[in-house]
Protein backbone atom coordinates (compact mmCIF):
# COMPACT_ATOMS: atom_id res chain seq x y z
CA MET A 1 99.07 104.75 107.65
CA LYS A 2 101.39 105.24 104.69
CA ARG A 3 103.77 102.47 103.66
CA ASP A 4 106.90 104.57 104.34
CA LYS A 5 105.71 105.36 107.85
CA ILE A 6 104.99 101.69 108.54
CA LEU A 7 108.46 100.71 107.28
CA LYS A 8 110.07 103.32 109.51
CA LYS A 9 108.17 102.02 112.55
CA LEU A 10 109.06 98.45 111.63
CA ARG A 11 112.79 99.26 111.46
CA LYS A 12 112.69 100.94 114.87
CA THR A 13 110.76 98.04 116.33
CA TYR A 14 113.28 95.50 115.05
CA ILE A 15 116.16 97.48 116.53
CA LYS A 16 114.40 97.74 119.90
CA MET A 17 113.52 94.04 119.77
CA LEU A 18 117.11 92.98 119.11
CA TYR A 19 118.36 95.25 121.89
CA ALA A 20 115.79 93.78 124.31
CA PHE A 21 116.78 90.20 123.50
CA SER A 22 120.51 90.98 123.71
CA SER A 23 119.99 92.69 127.08
CA GLY A 24 118.18 89.69 128.51
CA LEU A 25 114.76 91.39 128.46
CA ILE A 26 113.08 88.36 126.95
CA SER A 27 109.43 89.27 127.65
CA ARG A 28 109.98 92.78 126.26
CA GLY A 29 111.64 91.24 123.21
CA TYR A 30 108.60 89.06 122.59
CA GLU A 31 106.25 92.04 122.96
CA LEU A 32 108.25 93.90 120.33
CA GLU A 33 108.32 90.83 118.11
CA ASP A 34 104.50 90.74 118.25
CA LYS A 35 104.40 94.42 117.34
CA ALA A 36 106.72 93.79 114.39
CA ILE A 37 104.49 90.98 113.16
CA ARG A 38 101.43 93.27 113.31
CA LEU A 39 103.31 95.93 111.33
CA GLU A 40 104.36 93.36 108.72
CA LEU A 41 100.73 92.32 108.34
CA LYS A 42 99.77 95.95 107.81
CA LEU A 43 102.35 96.16 105.03
CA LYS A 44 100.93 93.05 103.40
CA GLU A 45 97.43 94.55 103.51
CA LYS A 46 98.72 97.60 101.63
CA GLU A 47 99.97 95.47 98.73
CA HIS A 48 98.90 96.53 95.23
CA GLU A 49 95.77 94.74 94.02
CA HIS A 50 97.70 93.25 91.08
CA ALA A 51 100.90 92.48 93.02
CA GLU A 52 100.75 88.74 92.34
CA ALA A 53 100.35 89.28 88.58
CA MET A 54 103.11 91.90 88.62
CA ARG A 55 105.52 89.47 90.25
CA ALA A 56 104.59 86.75 87.75
CA PHE A 57 105.05 89.11 84.79
CA ALA A 58 108.44 90.23 86.13
CA ALA A 59 109.43 86.56 86.38
CA GLY A 60 108.62 86.09 82.68
CA GLU A 61 105.16 84.52 82.93
CA LYS A 62 102.53 85.25 80.26
CA LEU A 63 99.40 86.99 81.55
CA GLU A 64 95.74 87.17 80.62
CA PHE A 65 93.24 89.88 81.48
CA ARG A 66 89.53 90.61 81.48
CA PRO A 67 87.39 93.59 82.54
CA LYS A 68 86.15 93.52 86.11
CA LYS A 69 82.44 92.85 86.53
CA ASP A 70 81.84 96.30 88.07
CA ALA A 71 83.75 98.16 85.31
CA SER A 72 80.68 98.61 83.10
CA SER A 73 82.26 101.07 80.65
CA TYR A 74 84.63 98.27 79.57
CA GLY A 75 81.89 95.69 79.15
CA SER A 76 81.54 92.49 81.09
CA THR A 77 82.82 89.13 80.01
CA ASP A 78 84.07 85.89 81.49
CA GLU A 79 86.52 85.44 78.63
CA TRP A 80 90.24 85.98 79.32
CA TYR A 81 92.40 87.73 76.70
CA PRO A 82 96.18 87.52 76.14
CA CYS A 83 98.10 90.42 77.64
CA ASP A 84 101.60 91.06 76.28
CA ASN A 85 102.09 94.52 77.79
CA PRO A 86 99.99 94.87 80.98
CA ASP A 87 99.38 98.28 82.51
CA PHE A 88 97.75 96.78 85.63
CA HIS A 89 94.74 99.07 85.39
CA HIS A 90 92.28 98.95 88.28
CA ASN A 91 89.35 98.16 85.93
CA PHE A 92 90.87 94.84 84.87
CA GLU A 93 91.67 91.49 86.45
CA TYR A 94 94.93 89.73 85.60
CA ARG A 95 96.05 86.12 85.94
CA ILE A 96 98.85 83.86 84.77
CA LYS A 97 98.03 82.42 81.35
CA ARG A 98 96.55 78.95 81.53
CA ASP A 99 97.17 76.20 79.02
CA ASP A 100 93.53 75.18 78.52
């Protein structure tokens, strides 16, 4: 399911949940709350593979990168390299720079 579709369902579920609770339909409200939680988990599963590094970079952290083990055309190494301008390519791994 696409992210936009999940968000739309989540909005509708929240509205129905709030209406149920405000109308005294407590058990129905809890059912809808469970549904909302499942939808939120689906959204989290759809997160970009480099989302954590993207957030860190946006917060001003320095990053390092290395080719993924299965990206053979880029070589394979355990060494991390400085990354001043990341493009968050799927053939690379990214992490917050460590002070080793």
